[in-house]
């Protein structure tokens, strides 16, 4: 009890707006007097509207504690009832939920990747009979490549004809 009173005597000067004077000057009281005051916690209009630091709310902590203590048996009963109900619930397959989430994430990544590729000119649309990888080619480039392939095909045909002779 004496320790509590000593602690309260050290804390009261911090909260009061005027520095507290004590009949016995000791080092702790002088040290706390030099510290910044925390009186704004109890003297502001907001603190006054909430009743912080007023004597009318002095027993509120004891009332709240006793109320909470009186509600503990009811809370224990509710928890026991909920545990019984939880045991009767079907087990949810978390693996299927995770797979669904991963599948949705994969679809999102694919769609965003496809959009990014299309922005830089890469054809990302899948075709059923061809592999749709690579960049888009212009008509002139396509004709030039077809000409090269045609020339290579003609050269190969000419080489085959020479071998037959």
C-alpha atoms as a PDB file:
ATOM      1  CA  UNK A   1       0.000   0.000   0.000  1.00  0.00           C
ATOM      2  CA  UNK A   2       2.814   2.385   0.878  1.00  0.00           C
ATOM      3  CA  UNK A   3       4.538   1.563  -2.415  1.00  0.00           C
ATOM      4  CA  UNK A   4       1.367   2.395  -4.343  1.00  0.00           C
ATOM      5  CA  UNK A   5       1.028   5.716  -2.565  1.00  0.00           C
ATOM      6  CA  UNK A   6       4.672   6.529  -3.252  1.00  0.00           C
ATOM      7  CA  UNK A   7       4.220   5.713  -6.950  1.00  0.00           C
ATOM      8  CA  UNK A   8       1.047   7.812  -7.164  1.00  0.00           C
ATOM      9  CA  UNK A   9       2.858  10.702  -5.463  1.00  0.00           C
ATOM     10  CA  UNK A  10       5.524  10.517  -8.174  1.00  0.00           C
ATOM     11  CA  UNK A  11       2.994  10.375 -11.025  1.00  0.00           C
ATOM     12  CA  UNK A  12       0.530  13.064  -9.895  1.00  0.00           C
ATOM     13  CA  UNK A  13       2.906  15.974 -10.638  1.00  0.00           C
ATOM     14  CA  UNK A  14       3.228  14.768 -14.220  1.00  0.00           C
ATOM     15  CA  UNK A  15      -0.509  14.935 -14.811  1.00  0.00           C
ATOM     16  CA  UNK A  16      -1.358  18.072 -12.867  1.00  0.00           C
ATOM     17  CA  UNK A  17      -1.179  21.419 -14.650  1.00  0.00           C
ATOM     18  CA  UNK A  18       0.610  23.151 -11.754  1.00  0.00           C
ATOM     19  CA  UNK A  19       3.787  21.674 -10.329  1.00  0.00           C
ATOM     20  CA  UNK A  20       3.058  19.824  -7.118  1.00  0.00           C
ATOM     21  CA  UNK A  21       4.959  20.762  -4.002  1.00  0.00           C
ATOM     22  CA  UNK A  22       5.706  18.209  -1.407  1.00  0.00           C
ATOM     23  CA  UNK A  23       6.627  18.678   2.223  1.00  0.00           C
ATOM     24  CA  UNK A  24       9.620  16.381   1.847  1.00  0.00           C
ATOM     25  CA  UNK A  25      11.851  17.369  -1.028  1.00  0.00           C
ATOM     26  CA  UNK A  26      13.486  14.256  -2.452  1.00  0.00           C
ATOM     27  CA  UNK A  27      15.445  13.551  -5.590  1.00  0.00           C
ATOM     28  CA  UNK A  28      12.578  11.776  -7.391  1.00  0.00           C
ATOM     29  CA  UNK A  29      10.173  14.685  -6.941  1.00  0.00           C
ATOM     30  CA  UNK A  30      12.759  17.145  -8.210  1.00  0.00           C
ATOM     31  CA  UNK A  31      13.504  14.945 -11.177  1.00  0.00           C
ATOM     32  CA  UNK A  32       9.810  14.663 -12.102  1.00  0.00           C
ATOM     33  CA  UNK A  33       9.335  18.430 -11.725  1.00  0.00           C
ATOM     34  CA  UNK A  34      11.935  19.005 -14.420  1.00  0.00           C
ATOM     35  CA  UNK A  35      10.238  16.516 -16.792  1.00  0.00           C
ATOM     36  CA  UNK A  36       7.641  17.706 -19.284  1.00  0.00           C
ATOM     37  CA  UNK A  37       4.115  17.825 -17.924  1.00  0.00           C
ATOM     38  CA  UNK A  38       1.497  15.414 -19.213  1.00  0.00           C
ATOM     39  CA  UNK A  39      -1.348  17.616 -18.019  1.00  0.00           C
ATOM     40  CA  UNK A  40      -2.699  17.845 -21.565  1.00  0.00           C
ATOM     41  CA  UNK A  41      -3.992  14.294 -21.068  1.00  0.00           C
ATOM     42  CA  UNK A  42      -6.486  15.466 -18.450  1.00  0.00           C
ATOM     43  CA  UNK A  43      -6.984  19.191 -19.054  1.00  0.00           C
ATOM     44  CA  UNK A  44      -7.973  19.371 -22.730  1.00  0.00           C
ATOM     45  CA  UNK A  45     -11.633  19.763 -23.783  1.00  0.00           C
ATOM     46  CA  UNK A  46     -11.605  16.242 -25.252  1.00  0.00           C
ATOM     47  CA  UNK A  47     -10.395  14.800 -21.952  1.00  0.00           C
ATOM     48  CA  UNK A  48     -13.048  16.778 -20.089  1.00  0.00           C
ATOM     49  CA  UNK A  49     -15.813  15.505 -22.405  1.00  0.00           C
ATOM     50  CA  UNK A  50     -14.673  11.930 -21.836  1.00  0.00           C
ATOM     51  CA  UNK A  51     -14.361  12.471 -18.095  1.00  0.00           C
ATOM     52  CA  UNK A  52     -10.668  11.571 -18.020  1.00  0.00           C
ATOM     53  CA  UNK A  53      -9.140  12.468 -14.677  1.00  0.00           C
ATOM     54  CA  UNK A  54     -12.419  13.466 -13.059  1.00  0.00           C
ATOM     55  CA  UNK A  55     -13.499  12.092  -9.712  1.00  0.00           C
ATOM     56  CA  UNK A  56     -16.871  10.991 -11.140  1.00  0.00           C
ATOM     57  CA  UNK A  57     -15.107   8.263 -13.124  1.00  0.00           C
ATOM     58  CA  UNK A  58     -12.735   7.227 -10.368  1.00  0.00           C
ATOM     59  CA  UNK A  59     -14.536   3.911  -9.811  1.00  0.00           C
ATOM     60  CA  UNK A  60     -14.991   3.130 -13.510  1.00  0.00           C
ATOM     61  CA  UNK A  61     -11.942   0.844 -13.594  1.00  0.00           C
ATOM     62  CA  UNK A  62     -13.239  -1.133 -10.621  1.00  0.00           C
ATOM     63  CA  UNK A  63     -16.722  -1.279 -12.169  1.00  0.00           C
ATOM     64  CA  UNK A  64     -15.365  -2.403 -15.543  1.00  0.00           C
ATOM     65  CA  UNK A  65     -13.184  -5.037 -13.929  1.00  0.00           C
ATOM     66  CA  UNK A  66     -16.009  -6.428 -11.825  1.00  0.00           C
ATOM     67  CA  UNK A  67     -18.339  -6.483 -14.846  1.00  0.00           C
ATOM     68  CA  UNK A  68     -15.795  -8.339 -16.970  1.00  0.00           C
ATOM     69  CA  UNK A  69     -15.150 -10.761 -14.142  1.00  0.00           C
ATOM     70  CA  UNK A  70     -18.894 -11.436 -13.819  1.00  0.00           C
ATOM     71  CA  UNK A  71     -19.141 -12.183 -17.566  1.00  0.00           C
ATOM     72  CA  UNK A  72     -16.319 -14.744 -17.687  1.00  0.00           C
ATOM     73  CA  UNK A  73     -18.489 -17.804 -16.814  1.00  0.00           C
ATOM     74  CA  UNK A  74     -20.961 -16.900 -19.569  1.00  0.00           C
ATOM     75  CA  UNK A  75     -18.122 -16.460 -22.051  1.00  0.00           C
ATOM     76  CA  UNK A  76     -16.678 -19.849 -21.090  1.00  0.00           C
ATOM     77  CA  UNK A  77     -20.088 -21.472 -21.701  1.00  0.00           C
ATOM     78  CA  UNK A  78     -20.344 -19.824 -25.121  1.00  0.00           C
ATOM     79  CA  UNK A  79     -16.853 -21.005 -26.079  1.00  0.00           C
ATOM     80  CA  UNK A  80     -17.702 -24.558 -25.009  1.00  0.00           C
ATOM     81  CA  UNK A  81     -20.895 -24.461 -27.099  1.00  0.00           C
ATOM     82  CA  UNK A  82     -19.035 -23.115 -30.112  1.00  0.00           C
ATOM     83  CA  UNK A  83     -16.392 -25.811 -29.812  1.00  0.00           C
ATOM     84  CA  UNK A  84     -19.125 -28.467 -29.815  1.00  0.00           C
ATOM     85  CA  UNK A  85     -20.653 -26.926 -32.944  1.00  0.00           C
ATOM     86  CA  UNK A  86     -17.266 -26.629 -34.597  1.00  0.00           C
ATOM     87  CA  UNK A  87     -16.698 -30.361 -34.179  1.00  0.00           C
ATOM     88  CA  UNK A  88     -19.952 -31.094 -36.072  1.00  0.00           C
ATOM     89  CA  UNK A  89     -19.077 -28.910 -39.068  1.00  0.00           C
ATOM     90  CA  UNK A  90     -17.783 -30.691 -42.171  1.00  0.00           C
ATOM     91  CA  UNK A  91     -14.087 -30.382 -42.788  1.00  0.00           C
ATOM     92  CA  UNK A  92     -13.321 -27.984 -45.590  1.00  0.00           C
ATOM     93  CA  UNK A  93     -10.807 -29.186 -48.148  1.00  0.00           C
ATOM     94  CA  UNK A  94      -8.214 -26.456 -47.921  1.00  0.00           C
ATOM     95  CA  UNK A  95      -6.134 -27.993 -50.717  1.00  0.00           C
ATOM     96  CA  UNK A  96      -8.964 -27.422 -53.212  1.00  0.00           C
ATOM     97  CA  UNK A  97      -9.323 -23.828 -52.032  1.00  0.00           C
ATOM     98  CA  UNK A  98      -5.609 -23.230 -52.428  1.00  0.00           C
ATOM     99  CA  UNK A  99      -5.631 -24.823 -55.883  1.00  0.00           C
ATOM    100  CA  UNK A 100      -8.498 -22.563 -56.919  1.00  0.00           C
ATOM    101  CA  UNK A 101      -6.692 -19.491 -55.675  1.00  0.00           C
ATOM    102  CA  UNK A 102      -3.494 -20.539 -57.416  1.00  0.00           C
ATOM    103  CA  UNK A 103      -5.400 -21.226 -60.616  1.00  0.00           C
ATOM    104  CA  UNK A 104      -7.003 -17.780 -60.501  1.00  0.00           C
ATOM    105  CA  UNK A 105      -3.619 -16.194 -59.833  1.00  0.00           C
ATOM    106  CA  UNK A 106      -2.065 -18.122 -62.735  1.00  0.00           C
ATOM    107  CA  UNK A 107      -4.855 -16.938 -65.050  1.00  0.00           C
ATOM    108  CA  UNK A 108      -4.319 -13.343 -63.966  1.00  0.00           C
ATOM    109  CA  UNK A 109      -0.563 -13.569 -64.531  1.00  0.00           C
ATOM    110  CA  UNK A 110      -1.107 -15.107 -67.973  1.00  0.00           C
ATOM    111  CA  UNK A 111      -3.543 -12.379 -69.013  1.00  0.00           C
ATOM    112  CA  UNK A 112      -1.234  -9.600 -67.823  1.00  0.00           C
ATOM    113  CA  UNK A 113       1.765 -11.220 -69.519  1.00  0.00           C
ATOM    114  CA  UNK A 114      -0.206 -11.493 -72.724  1.00  0.00           C
ATOM    115  CA  UNK A 115      -1.164  -7.814 -72.577  1.00  0.00           C
ATOM    116  CA  UNK A 116       2.443  -6.810 -71.943  1.00  0.00           C
ATOM    117  CA  UNK A 117       3.646  -8.863 -74.905  1.00  0.00           C
ATOM    118  CA  UNK A 118       1.029  -7.355 -77.192  1.00  0.00           C
ATOM    119  CA  UNK A 119       2.075  -3.842 -76.162  1.00  0.00           C
ATOM    120  CA  UNK A 120       5.621  -4.492 -77.412  1.00  0.00           C
ATOM    121  CA  UNK A 121       4.463  -6.138 -80.620  1.00  0.00           C
ATOM    122  CA  UNK A 122       4.725  -9.829 -79.796  1.00  0.00           C
ATOM    123  CA  UNK A 123       1.802 -11.912 -81.004  1.00  0.00           C
ATOM    124  CA  UNK A 124       0.621 -13.726 -77.897  1.00  0.00           C
ATOM    125  CA  UNK A 125      -2.630 -15.175 -79.253  1.00  0.00           C
ATOM    126  CA  UNK A 126      -2.519 -18.953 -79.285  1.00  0.00           C
ATOM    127  CA  UNK A 127      -3.386 -20.523 -82.638  1.00  0.00           C
ATOM    128  CA  UNK A 128      -4.657 -24.112 -82.688  1.00  0.00           C
ATOM    129  CA  UNK A 129      -2.344 -25.362 -85.452  1.00  0.00           C
ATOM    130  CA  UNK A 130       0.703 -23.172 -84.973  1.00  0.00           C
ATOM    131  CA  UNK A 131       2.865 -22.094 -82.163  1.00  0.00           C
ATOM    132  CA  UNK A 132       2.189 -18.405 -81.562  1.00  0.00           C
ATOM    133  CA  UNK A 133       5.565 -17.312 -80.316  1.00  0.00           C
ATOM    134  CA  UNK A 134       7.598 -14.437 -81.610  1.00  0.00           C
ATOM    135  CA  UNK A 135       6.999 -10.909 -82.674  1.00  0.00           C
ATOM    136  CA  UNK A 136       4.568  -9.675 -85.288  1.00  0.00           C
ATOM    137  CA  UNK A 137       6.032  -9.447 -88.736  1.00  0.00           C
ATOM    138  CA  UNK A 138       5.186  -6.962 -91.403  1.00  0.00           C
ATOM    139  CA  UNK A 139       4.046  -7.973 -94.887  1.00  0.00           C
ATOM    140  CA  UNK A 140       7.361  -7.031 -96.504  1.00  0.00           C
ATOM    141  CA  UNK A 141       9.343  -9.072 -94.000  1.00  0.00           C
ATOM    142  CA  UNK A 142       7.032 -12.040 -94.542  1.00  0.00           C
ATOM    143  CA  UNK A 143       7.475 -11.852 -98.325  1.00  0.00           C
ATOM    144  CA  UNK A 144      11.263 -11.633 -97.930  1.00  0.00           C
ATOM    145  CA  UNK A 145      11.340 -14.700 -95.691  1.00  0.00           C
ATOM    146  CA  UNK A 146       9.073 -16.603 -98.068  1.00  0.00           C
ATOM    147  CA  UNK A 147      11.448 -15.695-100.892  1.00  0.00           C
ATOM    148  CA  UNK A 148      14.433 -17.009 -98.946  1.00  0.00           C
ATOM    149  CA  UNK A 149      12.616 -20.248 -98.103  1.00  0.00           C
ATOM    150  CA  UNK A 150      11.526 -20.600-101.726  1.00  0.00           C
ATOM    151  CA  UNK A 151      15.079 -20.080-102.947  1.00  0.00           C
ATOM    152  CA  UNK A 152      16.383 -22.614-100.451  1.00  0.00           C
ATOM    153  CA  UNK A 153      13.704 -25.074-101.600  1.00  0.00           C
ATOM    154  CA  UNK A 154      14.641 -24.517-105.248  1.00  0.00           C
ATOM    155  CA  UNK A 155      18.341 -24.986-104.467  1.00  0.00           C
ATOM    156  CA  UNK A 156      17.597 -28.194-102.553  1.00  0.00           C
ATOM    157  CA  UNK A 157      15.486 -29.494-105.463  1.00  0.00           C
ATOM    158  CA  UNK A 158      18.298 -28.670-107.881  1.00  0.00           C
ATOM    159  CA  UNK A 159      20.811 -30.518-105.668  1.00  0.00           C
ATOM    160  CA  UNK A 160      18.538 -33.571-105.502  1.00  0.00           C
ATOM    161  CA  UNK A 161      18.181 -33.592-109.285  1.00  0.00           C
ATOM    162  CA  UNK A 162      21.993 -33.590-109.677  1.00  0.00           C
ATOM    163  CA  UNK A 163      22.290 -36.538-107.327  1.00  0.00           C
ATOM    164  CA  UNK A 164      19.792 -38.577-109.327  1.00  0.00           C
ATOM    165  CA  UNK A 165      21.708 -38.117-112.527  1.00  0.00           C
END
